[in-house]
Each structure stands twice: as structure tokens, then as C-alpha cells.
Amino acid sequence: MDEWPATFQLNVWGRNPDMQPDQGWAFGDMINNRVANHLPPHRAPENVFNVTEVPPMPALSYRLVVNDATYKVEMHPQSNMYSQILVLLYWLFCPRL
């Protein structure tokens, strides 16, 4: 979970034989076409996905879906801001027990 704008990488979970985190499977997007690129770890700071657009109202966030056959990353709006407003109003105005 992050605020806008955000950058992230996709990593394959694992450990090297020396028990250090595996950095050989870091995926990002070098040319901003929403397709995961696999590059060497020394290029990792440049190999990130940029999420700069805010989800359309009333969505609160994006659900990321990765197609492991094509490495295409899709962002689907999810959640609803009105449910968050109702929860906030409940906490503000309901008596404390």
C-alpha cells in the first residue's frame, strides 16, 4: 500500500545459497508499457513500475493483476470511497462503549 505517485518492483520470492534474498528475479517496466521486464540487479533502480494516475472515483486503490504468460501488468480499480466515509462517520458519531 502506498500513496500517489508510487513506484514498485515485482520480485520472485527466494533465497540464494548464502541465505541472502534473491535479487536475480526483479521485474519492472523500463519503457512504461506495463509489461514486466527482467533485467540484472544492478539496473534495479531504473527497472520499476510507475503508478502516477489516481484511480477513478469512487475507487480507492488499484488491484494489480500480472499475467505470468505475457508478463502484462493490469491495474483494476477497486474498493469504494463511500464505504470508507461510512466507517469514518460511524467512528466519529457513535457513542463509545
PDB file of N, CA and C in Angstrom:
ATOM      1  N   MET A   1       0.845  -1.161   0.000  1.00  0.00           N
ATOM      2  CA  MET A   1       0.000   0.000   0.000  1.00  0.00           C
ATOM      3  C   MET A   1       0.898   1.232   0.000  1.00  0.00           C
ATOM      4  N   ASP A   2       0.532   2.205  -0.804  1.00  0.00           N
ATOM      5  CA  ASP A   2       1.367   3.400  -0.943  1.00  0.00           C
ATOM      6  C   ASP A   2       0.485   4.567  -1.351  1.00  0.00           C
ATOM      7  N   GLU A   3       1.048   5.758  -1.314  1.00  0.00           N
ATOM      8  CA  GLU A   3       0.339   6.943  -1.770  1.00  0.00           C
ATOM      9  C   GLU A   3       0.793   7.281  -3.180  1.00  0.00           C
ATOM     10  N   TRP A   4       0.045   8.194  -3.831  1.00  0.00           N
ATOM     11  CA  TRP A   4       0.343   8.562  -5.208  1.00  0.00           C
ATOM     12  C   TRP A   4       1.387   9.654  -5.236  1.00  0.00           C
ATOM     13  N   PRO A   5       2.252   9.719  -6.179  1.00  0.00           N
ATOM     14  CA  PRO A   5       2.611   8.653  -7.128  1.00  0.00           C
ATOM     15  C   PRO A   5       3.448   7.585  -6.430  1.00  0.00           C
ATOM     16  N   ALA A   6       3.497   6.412  -7.006  1.00  0.00           N
ATOM     17  CA  ALA A   6       4.211   5.296  -6.397  1.00  0.00           C
ATOM     18  C   ALA A   6       5.040   4.570  -7.448  1.00  0.00           C
ATOM     19  N   THR A   7       6.105   3.947  -7.001  1.00  0.00           N
ATOM     20  CA  THR A   7       6.904   3.075  -7.856  1.00  0.00           C
ATOM     21  C   THR A   7       7.060   1.746  -7.123  1.00  0.00           C
ATOM     22  N   PHE A   8       7.122   0.664  -7.874  1.00  0.00           N
ATOM     23  CA  PHE A   8       7.287  -0.648  -7.261  1.00  0.00           C
ATOM     24  C   PHE A   8       7.955  -1.601  -8.240  1.00  0.00           C
ATOM     25  N   GLN A   9       8.477  -2.677  -7.696  1.00  0.00           N
ATOM     26  CA  GLN A   9       9.039  -3.769  -8.474  1.00  0.00           C
ATOM     27  C   GLN A   9       8.334  -5.055  -8.098  1.00  0.00           C
ATOM     28  N   LEU A  10       8.325  -6.000  -8.996  1.00  0.00           N
ATOM     29  CA  LEU A  10       7.831  -7.342  -8.716  1.00  0.00           C
ATOM     30  C   LEU A  10       9.047  -8.237  -8.524  1.00  0.00           C
ATOM     31  N   ASN A  11       9.059  -8.992  -7.439  1.00  0.00           N
ATOM     32  CA  ASN A  11      10.183  -9.871  -7.152  1.00  0.00           C
ATOM     33  C   ASN A  11       9.680 -11.295  -6.956  1.00  0.00           C
ATOM     34  N   VAL A  12      10.481 -12.249  -7.379  1.00  0.00           N
ATOM     35  CA  VAL A  12      10.197 -13.645  -7.118  1.00  0.00           C
ATOM     36  C   VAL A  12      10.815 -13.969  -5.768  1.00  0.00           C
ATOM     37  N   TRP A  13      10.005 -14.525  -4.870  1.00  0.00           N
ATOM     38  CA  TRP A  13      10.475 -14.796  -3.516  1.00  0.00           C
ATOM     39  C   TRP A  13      11.452 -15.953  -3.537  1.00  0.00           C
ATOM     40  N   GLY A  14      12.561 -15.780  -2.839  1.00  0.00           N
ATOM     41  CA  GLY A  14      13.526 -16.856  -2.720  1.00  0.00           C
ATOM     42  C   GLY A  14      14.797 -16.390  -2.051  1.00  0.00           C
ATOM     43  N   ARG A  15      15.679 -17.328  -1.803  1.00  0.00           N
ATOM     44  CA  ARG A  15      16.957 -17.029  -1.168  1.00  0.00           C
ATOM     45  C   ARG A  15      18.074 -17.701  -1.956  1.00  0.00           C
ATOM     46  N   ASN A  16      19.223 -17.040  -1.973  1.00  0.00           N
ATOM     47  CA  ASN A  16      20.417 -17.595  -2.578  1.00  0.00           C
ATOM     48  C   ASN A  16      20.988 -18.672  -1.663  1.00  0.00           C
ATOM     49  N   PRO A  17      21.962 -19.455  -2.137  1.00  0.00           N
ATOM     50  CA  PRO A  17      22.587 -20.455  -1.260  1.00  0.00           C
ATOM     51  C   PRO A  17      23.247 -19.846  -0.018  1.00  0.00           C
ATOM     52  N   ASP A  18      23.635 -18.556  -0.082  1.00  0.00           N
ATOM     53  CA  ASP A  18      24.235 -17.899   1.090  1.00  0.00           C
ATOM     54  C   ASP A  18      23.174 -17.300   2.019  1.00  0.00           C
ATOM     55  N   MET A  19      21.888 -17.657   1.802  1.00  0.00           N
ATOM     56  CA  MET A  19      20.747 -17.236   2.607  1.00  0.00           C
ATOM     57  C   MET A  19      20.448 -15.738   2.529  1.00  0.00           C
ATOM     58  N   GLN A  20      20.941 -15.071   1.510  1.00  0.00           N
ATOM     59  CA  GLN A  20      20.596 -13.680   1.256  1.00  0.00           C
ATOM     60  C   GLN A  20      19.394 -13.638   0.310  1.00  0.00           C
ATOM     61  N   PRO A  21      18.565 -12.572   0.372  1.00  0.00           N
ATOM     62  CA  PRO A  21      17.424 -12.502  -0.550  1.00  0.00           C
ATOM     63  C   PRO A  21      17.872 -12.558  -2.009  1.00  0.00           C
ATOM     64  N   ASP A  22      17.148 -13.319  -2.811  1.00  0.00           N
ATOM     65  CA  ASP A  22      17.457 -13.467  -4.235  1.00  0.00           C
ATOM     66  C   ASP A  22      17.093 -12.179  -4.964  1.00  0.00           C
ATOM     67  N   GLN A  23      18.079 -11.539  -5.587  1.00  0.00           N
ATOM     68  CA  GLN A  23      17.840 -10.322  -6.340  1.00  0.00           C
ATOM     69  C   GLN A  23      17.926 -10.561  -7.838  1.00  0.00           C
ATOM     70  N   GLY A  24      18.009 -11.809  -8.244  1.00  0.00           N
ATOM     71  CA  GLY A  24      18.127 -12.124  -9.656  1.00  0.00           C
ATOM     72  C   GLY A  24      16.810 -12.131 -10.400  1.00  0.00           C
ATOM     73  N   TRP A  25      15.701 -12.067  -9.683  1.00  0.00           N
ATOM     74  CA  TRP A  25      14.390 -12.118 -10.320  1.00  0.00           C
ATOM     75  C   TRP A  25      13.584 -10.878  -9.999  1.00  0.00           C
ATOM     76  N   ALA A  26      14.104  -9.725 -10.328  1.00  0.00           N
ATOM     77  CA  ALA A  26      13.391  -8.462 -10.126  1.00  0.00           C
ATOM     78  C   ALA A  26      12.805  -8.021 -11.465  1.00  0.00           C
ATOM     79  N   PHE A  27      11.519  -7.717 -11.463  1.00  0.00           N
ATOM     80  CA  PHE A  27      10.822  -7.295 -12.673  1.00  0.00           C
ATOM     81  C   PHE A  27      10.311  -5.875 -12.502  1.00  0.00           C
ATOM     82  N   GLY A  28      10.398  -5.086 -13.553  1.00  0.00           N
ATOM     83  CA  GLY A  28       9.886  -3.724 -13.557  1.00  0.00           C
ATOM     84  C   GLY A  28       9.502  -3.348 -14.972  1.00  0.00           C
ATOM     85  N   ASP A  29       9.359  -2.065 -15.209  1.00  0.00           N
ATOM     86  CA  ASP A  29       8.923  -1.575 -16.520  1.00  0.00           C
ATOM     87  C   ASP A  29       9.857  -0.447 -16.946  1.00  0.00           C
ATOM     88  N   MET A  30      10.778  -0.732 -17.843  1.00  0.00           N
ATOM     89  CA  MET A  30      11.768   0.258 -18.265  1.00  0.00           C
ATOM     90  C   MET A  30      11.199   1.293 -19.226  1.00  0.00           C
ATOM     91  N   ILE A  31      10.261   0.900 -20.096  1.00  0.00           N
ATOM     92  CA  ILE A  31       9.789   1.816 -21.136  1.00  0.00           C
ATOM     93  C   ILE A  31       8.336   2.230 -20.945  1.00  0.00           C
ATOM     94  N   ASN A  32       7.781   1.946 -19.764  1.00  0.00           N
ATOM     95  CA  ASN A  32       6.440   2.394 -19.389  1.00  0.00           C
ATOM     96  C   ASN A  32       5.345   1.871 -20.323  1.00  0.00           C
ATOM     97  N   ASN A  33       5.421   0.560 -20.658  1.00  0.00           N
ATOM     98  CA  ASN A  33       4.392  -0.052 -21.488  1.00  0.00           C
ATOM     99  C   ASN A  33       3.581  -1.095 -20.725  1.00  0.00           C
ATOM    100  N   ARG A  34       3.752  -1.145 -19.416  1.00  0.00           N
ATOM    101  CA  ARG A  34       3.052  -2.045 -18.497  1.00  0.00           C
ATOM    102  C   ARG A  34       3.306  -3.522 -18.786  1.00  0.00           C
ATOM    103  N   VAL A  35       4.494  -3.828 -19.296  1.00  0.00           N
ATOM    104  CA  VAL A  35       4.944  -5.201 -19.474  1.00  0.00           C
ATOM    105  C   VAL A  35       6.194  -5.369 -18.629  1.00  0.00           C
ATOM    106  N   ALA A  36       6.219  -6.420 -17.809  1.00  0.00           N
ATOM    107  CA  ALA A  36       7.335  -6.637 -16.890  1.00  0.00           C
ATOM    108  C   ALA A  36       8.603  -7.007 -17.658  1.00  0.00           C
ATOM    109  N   ASN A  37       9.684  -6.323 -17.349  1.00  0.00           N
ATOM    110  CA  ASN A  37      10.989  -6.587 -17.945  1.00  0.00           C
ATOM    111  C   ASN A  37      11.897  -7.178 -16.882  1.00  0.00           C
ATOM    112  N   HIS A  38      12.668  -8.194 -17.259  1.00  0.00           N
ATOM    113  CA  HIS A  38      13.622  -8.807 -16.348  1.00  0.00           C
ATOM    114  C   HIS A  38      15.003  -8.298 -16.699  1.00  0.00           C
ATOM    115  N   LEU A  39      15.618  -7.575 -15.785  1.00  0.00           N
ATOM    116  CA  LEU A  39      16.943  -7.003 -16.006  1.00  0.00           C
ATOM    117  C   LEU A  39      17.870  -7.401 -14.871  1.00  0.00           C
ATOM    118  N   PRO A  40      19.173  -7.262 -15.059  1.00  0.00           N
ATOM    119  CA  PRO A  40      20.111  -7.586 -13.985  1.00  0.00           C
ATOM    120  C   PRO A  40      19.881  -6.707 -12.756  1.00  0.00           C
ATOM    121  N   PRO A  41      20.272  -7.196 -11.580  1.00  0.00           N
ATOM    122  CA  PRO A  41      20.036  -6.441 -10.348  1.00  0.00           C
ATOM    123  C   PRO A  41      20.703  -5.069 -10.301  1.00  0.00           C
ATOM    124  N   HIS A  42      21.823  -4.860 -10.974  1.00  0.00           N
ATOM    125  CA  HIS A  42      22.467  -3.550 -10.912  1.00  0.00           C
ATOM    126  C   HIS A  42      21.670  -2.478 -11.655  1.00  0.00           C
ATOM    127  N   ARG A  43      20.697  -2.864 -12.456  1.00  0.00           N
ATOM    128  CA  ARG A  43      19.805  -1.917 -13.134  1.00  0.00           C
ATOM    129  C   ARG A  43      18.511  -1.720 -12.356  1.00  0.00           C
ATOM    130  N   ALA A  44      18.427  -2.281 -11.152  1.00  0.00           N
ATOM    131  CA  ALA A  44      17.178  -2.292 -10.384  1.00  0.00           C
ATOM    132  C   ALA A  44      16.587  -0.911 -10.115  1.00  0.00           C
ATOM    133  N   PRO A  45      17.352   0.136  -9.801  1.00  0.00           N
ATOM    134  CA  PRO A  45      16.700   1.428  -9.529  1.00  0.00           C
ATOM    135  C   PRO A  45      15.939   1.988 -10.728  1.00  0.00           C
ATOM    136  N   GLU A  46      16.333   1.626 -11.939  1.00  0.00           N
ATOM    137  CA  GLU A  46      15.654   2.120 -13.134  1.00  0.00           C
ATOM    138  C   GLU A  46      14.505   1.204 -13.557  1.00  0.00           C
ATOM    139  N   ASN A  47      14.486  -0.014 -13.066  1.00  0.00           N
ATOM    140  CA  ASN A  47      13.539  -1.026 -13.506  1.00  0.00           C
ATOM    141  C   ASN A  47      12.355  -1.088 -12.537  1.00  0.00           C
ATOM    142  N   VAL A  48      11.468  -0.078 -12.601  1.00  0.00           N
ATOM    143  CA  VAL A  48      10.322  -0.001 -11.697  1.00  0.00           C
ATOM    144  C   VAL A  48       9.050   0.292 -12.487  1.00  0.00           C
ATOM    145  N   PHE A  49       7.918  -0.048 -11.896  1.00  0.00           N
ATOM    146  CA  PHE A  49       6.618   0.344 -12.432  1.00  0.00           C
ATOM    147  C   PHE A  49       6.240   1.673 -11.797  1.00  0.00           C
ATOM    148  N   ASN A  50       5.780   2.604 -12.608  1.00  0.00           N
ATOM    149  CA  ASN A  50       5.316   3.895 -12.110  1.00  0.00           C
ATOM    150  C   ASN A  50       3.793   3.916 -12.119  1.00  0.00           C
ATOM    151  N   VAL A  51       3.215   4.248 -10.974  1.00  0.00           N
ATOM    152  CA  VAL A  51       1.770   4.414 -10.869  1.00  0.00           C
ATOM    153  C   VAL A  51       1.542   5.883 -10.551  1.00  0.00           C
ATOM    154  N   THR A  52       1.215   6.651 -11.570  1.00  0.00           N
ATOM    155  CA  THR A  52       1.065   8.088 -11.373  1.00  0.00           C
ATOM    156  C   THR A  52      -0.377   8.547 -11.463  1.00  0.00           C
ATOM    157  N   GLU A  53      -1.236   7.756 -12.102  1.00  0.00           N
ATOM    158  CA  GLU A  53      -2.621   8.184 -12.217  1.00  0.00           C
ATOM    159  C   GLU A  53      -3.429   7.691 -11.009  1.00  0.00           C
ATOM    160  N   VAL A  54      -4.269   8.563 -10.505  1.00  0.00           N
ATOM    161  CA  VAL A  54      -5.137   8.248  -9.377  1.00  0.00           C
ATOM    162  C   VAL A  54      -6.286   7.381  -9.887  1.00  0.00           C
ATOM    163  N   PRO A  55      -6.733   6.394  -9.108  1.00  0.00           N
ATOM    164  CA  PRO A  55      -7.853   5.582  -9.589  1.00  0.00           C
ATOM    165  C   PRO A  55      -9.114   6.423  -9.767  1.00  0.00           C
ATOM    166  N   PRO A  56      -9.964   6.067 -10.713  1.00  0.00           N
ATOM    167  CA  PRO A  56     -11.181   6.849 -10.944  1.00  0.00           C
ATOM    168  C   PRO A  56     -12.131   6.741  -9.751  1.00  0.00           C
ATOM    169  N   MET A  57     -12.871   7.820  -9.529  1.00  0.00           N
ATOM    170  CA  MET A  57     -13.822   7.814  -8.415  1.00  0.00           C
ATOM    171  C   MET A  57     -14.934   6.820  -8.700  1.00  0.00           C
ATOM    172  N   PRO A  58     -15.436   6.130  -7.750  1.00  0.00           N
ATOM    173  CA  PRO A  58     -15.229   6.185  -6.314  1.00  0.00           C
ATOM    174  C   PRO A  58     -14.184   5.192  -5.814  1.00  0.00           C
ATOM    175  N   ALA A  59     -13.342   4.652  -6.678  1.00  0.00           N
ATOM    176  CA  ALA A  59     -12.341   3.663  -6.260  1.00  0.00           C
ATOM    177  C   ALA A  59     -11.295   4.303  -5.359  1.00  0.00           C
ATOM    178  N   LEU A  60     -10.749   3.490  -4.459  1.00  0.00           N
ATOM    179  CA  LEU A  60      -9.714   3.958  -3.537  1.00  0.00           C
ATOM    180  C   LEU A  60      -8.322   3.495  -3.924  1.00  0.00           C
ATOM    181  N   SER A  61      -8.243   2.408  -4.677  1.00  0.00           N
ATOM    182  CA  SER A  61      -6.933   1.843  -4.981  1.00  0.00           C
ATOM    183  C   SER A  61      -7.010   1.028  -6.272  1.00  0.00           C
ATOM    184  N   TYR A  62      -5.869   0.463  -6.616  1.00  0.00           N
ATOM    185  CA  TYR A  62      -5.786  -0.441  -7.761  1.00  0.00           C
ATOM    186  C   TYR A  62      -5.465  -1.844  -7.273  1.00  0.00           C
ATOM    187  N   ARG A  63      -6.021  -2.820  -7.946  1.00  0.00           N
ATOM    188  CA  ARG A  63      -5.621  -4.207  -7.765  1.00  0.00           C
ATOM    189  C   ARG A  63      -4.730  -4.543  -8.950  1.00  0.00           C
ATOM    190  N   LEU A  64      -3.526  -5.002  -8.676  1.00  0.00           N
ATOM    191  CA  LEU A  64      -2.581  -5.334  -9.741  1.00  0.00           C
ATOM    192  C   LEU A  64      -2.742  -6.794 -10.122  1.00  0.00           C
ATOM    193  N   VAL A  65      -2.867  -7.041 -11.407  1.00  0.00           N
ATOM    194  CA  VAL A  65      -3.008  -8.390 -11.929  1.00  0.00           C
ATOM    195  C   VAL A  65      -1.870  -8.615 -12.915  1.00  0.00           C
ATOM    196  N   VAL A  66      -1.074  -9.660 -12.664  1.00  0.00           N
ATOM    197  CA  VAL A  66       0.064  -9.976 -13.528  1.00  0.00           C
ATOM    198  C   VAL A  66      -0.228 -11.266 -14.272  1.00  0.00           C
ATOM    199  N   ASN A  67      -0.184 -11.209 -15.599  1.00  0.00           N
ATOM    200  CA  ASN A  67      -0.333 -12.391 -16.431  1.00  0.00           C
ATOM    201  C   ASN A  67       1.047 -13.019 -16.572  1.00  0.00           C
ATOM    202  N   ASP A  68       1.256 -14.186 -15.969  1.00  0.00           N
ATOM    203  CA  ASP A  68       2.591 -14.778 -15.981  1.00  0.00           C
ATOM    204  C   ASP A  68       2.971 -15.382 -17.336  1.00  0.00           C
ATOM    205  N   ALA A  69       2.044 -15.467 -18.274  1.00  0.00           N
ATOM    206  CA  ALA A  69       2.382 -15.947 -19.613  1.00  0.00           C
ATOM    207  C   ALA A  69       2.915 -14.824 -20.491  1.00  0.00           C
ATOM    208  N   THR A  70       2.337 -13.620 -20.362  1.00  0.00           N
ATOM    209  CA  THR A  70       2.749 -12.498 -21.210  1.00  0.00           C
ATOM    210  C   THR A  70       3.504 -11.420 -20.441  1.00  0.00           C
ATOM    211  N   TYR A  71       3.563 -11.530 -19.109  1.00  0.00           N
ATOM    212  CA  TYR A  71       4.185 -10.538 -18.222  1.00  0.00           C
ATOM    213  C   TYR A  71       3.501  -9.177 -18.301  1.00  0.00           C
ATOM    214  N   LYS A  72       2.265  -9.156 -18.735  1.00  0.00           N
ATOM    215  CA  LYS A  72       1.493  -7.912 -18.801  1.00  0.00           C
ATOM    216  C   LYS A  72       0.925  -7.617 -17.411  1.00  0.00           C
ATOM    217  N   VAL A  73       1.059  -6.359 -16.974  1.00  0.00           N
ATOM    218  CA  VAL A  73       0.552  -5.928 -15.677  1.00  0.00           C
ATOM    219  C   VAL A  73      -0.660  -5.034 -15.910  1.00  0.00           C
ATOM    220  N   GLU A  74      -1.792  -5.416 -15.322  1.00  0.00           N
ATOM    221  CA  GLU A  74      -3.013  -4.632 -15.454  1.00  0.00           C
ATOM    222  C   GLU A  74      -3.379  -4.053 -14.098  1.00  0.00           C
ATOM    223  N   MET A  75      -3.928  -2.838 -14.110  1.00  0.00           N
ATOM    224  CA  MET A  75      -4.364  -2.194 -12.883  1.00  0.00           C
ATOM    225  C   MET A  75      -5.877  -2.038 -12.941  1.00  0.00           C
ATOM    226  N   HIS A  76      -6.577  -2.688 -12.003  1.00  0.00           N
ATOM    227  CA  HIS A  76      -8.036  -2.638 -11.939  1.00  0.00           C
ATOM    228  C   HIS A  76      -8.450  -1.819 -10.721  1.00  0.00           C
ATOM    229  N   PRO A  77      -9.285  -0.775 -10.893  1.00  0.00           N
ATOM    230  CA  PRO A  77      -9.757  -0.016  -9.729  1.00  0.00           C
ATOM    231  C   PRO A  77     -10.561  -0.912  -8.791  1.00  0.00           C
ATOM    232  N   GLN A  78     -10.385  -0.686  -7.488  1.00  0.00           N
ATOM    233  CA  GLN A  78     -11.121  -1.485  -6.514  1.00  0.00           C
ATOM    234  C   GLN A  78     -11.482  -0.656  -5.295  1.00  0.00           C
ATOM    235  N   SER A  79     -12.350  -1.189  -4.483  1.00  0.00           N
ATOM    236  CA  SER A  79     -12.821  -0.581  -3.244  1.00  0.00           C
ATOM    237  C   SER A  79     -13.767   0.573  -3.542  1.00  0.00           C
ATOM    238  N   ASN A  80     -14.277   1.201  -2.487  1.00  0.00           N
ATOM    239  CA  ASN A  80     -15.248   2.249  -2.673  1.00  0.00           C
ATOM    240  C   ASN A  80     -15.066   3.299  -1.588  1.00  0.00           C
ATOM    241  N   MET A  81     -14.953   4.552  -1.984  1.00  0.00           N
ATOM    242  CA  MET A  81     -14.714   5.616  -1.016  1.00  0.00           C
ATOM    243  C   MET A  81     -15.922   5.851  -0.117  1.00  0.00           C
ATOM    244  N   TYR A  82     -17.115   5.520  -0.584  1.00  0.00           N
ATOM    245  CA  TYR A  82     -18.309   5.742   0.225  1.00  0.00           C
ATOM    246  C   TYR A  82     -18.348   4.818   1.442  1.00  0.00           C
ATOM    247  N   SER A  83     -17.850   3.608   1.300  1.00  0.00           N
ATOM    248  CA  SER A  83     -17.781   2.722   2.468  1.00  0.00           C
ATOM    249  C   SER A  83     -16.786   3.259   3.488  1.00  0.00           C
ATOM    250  N   GLN A  84     -15.695   3.855   3.030  1.00  0.00           N
ATOM    251  CA  GLN A  84     -14.732   4.469   3.946  1.00  0.00           C
ATOM    252  C   GLN A  84     -15.346   5.660   4.673  1.00  0.00           C
ATOM    253  N   ILE A  85     -16.154   6.445   3.980  1.00  0.00           N
ATOM    254  CA  ILE A  85     -16.819   7.597   4.608  1.00  0.00           C
ATOM    255  C   ILE A  85     -17.790   7.109   5.679  1.00  0.00           C
ATOM    256  N   LEU A  86     -18.534   6.028   5.403  1.00  0.00           N
ATOM    257  CA  LEU A  86     -19.458   5.485   6.397  1.00  0.00           C
ATOM    258  C   LEU A  86     -18.731   4.993   7.645  1.00  0.00           C
ATOM    259  N   VAL A  87     -17.608   4.342   7.462  1.00  0.00           N
ATOM    260  CA  VAL A  87     -16.825   3.884   8.610  1.00  0.00           C
ATOM    261  C   VAL A  87     -16.327   5.080   9.417  1.00  0.00           C
ATOM    262  N   LEU A  88     -15.860   6.112   8.764  1.00  0.00           N
ATOM    263  CA  LEU A  88     -15.393   7.308   9.458  1.00  0.00           C
ATOM    264  C   LEU A  88     -16.531   7.966  10.243  1.00  0.00           C
ATOM    265  N   LEU A  89     -17.686   8.103   9.621  1.00  0.00           N
ATOM    266  CA  LEU A  89     -18.830   8.697  10.320  1.00  0.00           C
ATOM    267  C   LEU A  89     -19.256   7.857  11.508  1.00  0.00           C
ATOM    268  N   TYR A  90     -19.211   6.559  11.377  1.00  0.00           N
ATOM    269  CA  TYR A  90     -19.543   5.676  12.492  1.00  0.00           C
ATOM    270  C   TYR A  90     -18.611   5.934  13.667  1.00  0.00           C
ATOM    271  N   TRP A  91     -17.325   6.003  13.407  1.00  0.00           N
ATOM    272  CA  TRP A  91     -16.353   6.222  14.483  1.00  0.00           C
ATOM    273  C   TRP A  91     -16.460   7.617  15.080  1.00  0.00           C
ATOM    274  N   LEU A  92     -16.880   8.567  14.303  1.00  0.00           N
ATOM    275  CA  LEU A  92     -16.998   9.929  14.829  1.00  0.00           C
ATOM    276  C   LEU A  92     -18.249  10.128  15.693  1.00  0.00           C
ATOM    277  N   PHE A  93     -19.357   9.555  15.302  1.00  0.00           N
ATOM    278  CA  PHE A  93     -20.628   9.901  15.927  1.00  0.00           C
ATOM    279  C   PHE A  93     -21.249   8.822  16.805  1.00  0.00           C
ATOM    280  N   CYS A  94     -20.779   7.614  16.774  1.00  0.00           N
ATOM    281  CA  CYS A  94     -21.346   6.584  17.634  1.00  0.00           C
ATOM    282  C   CYS A  94     -20.752   6.695  19.035  1.00  0.00           C
ATOM    283  N   PRO A  95     -21.592   6.473  20.057  1.00  0.00           N
ATOM    284  CA  PRO A  95     -21.064   6.593  21.422  1.00  0.00           C
ATOM    285  C   PRO A  95     -20.030   5.516  21.718  1.00  0.00           C
ATOM    286  N   ARG A  96     -19.073   5.905  22.498  1.00  0.00           N
ATOM    287  CA  ARG A  96     -18.005   4.968  22.902  1.00  0.00           C
ATOM    288  C   ARG A  96     -18.532   4.083  24.011  1.00  0.00           C
ATOM    289  N   LEU A  97     -18.199   2.819  23.939  1.00  0.00           N
ATOM    290  CA  LEU A  97     -18.630   1.886  24.980  1.00  0.00           C
ATOM    291  C   LEU A  97     -17.555   1.673  26.005  1.00  0.00           C
TER     292      LEU A  97
END
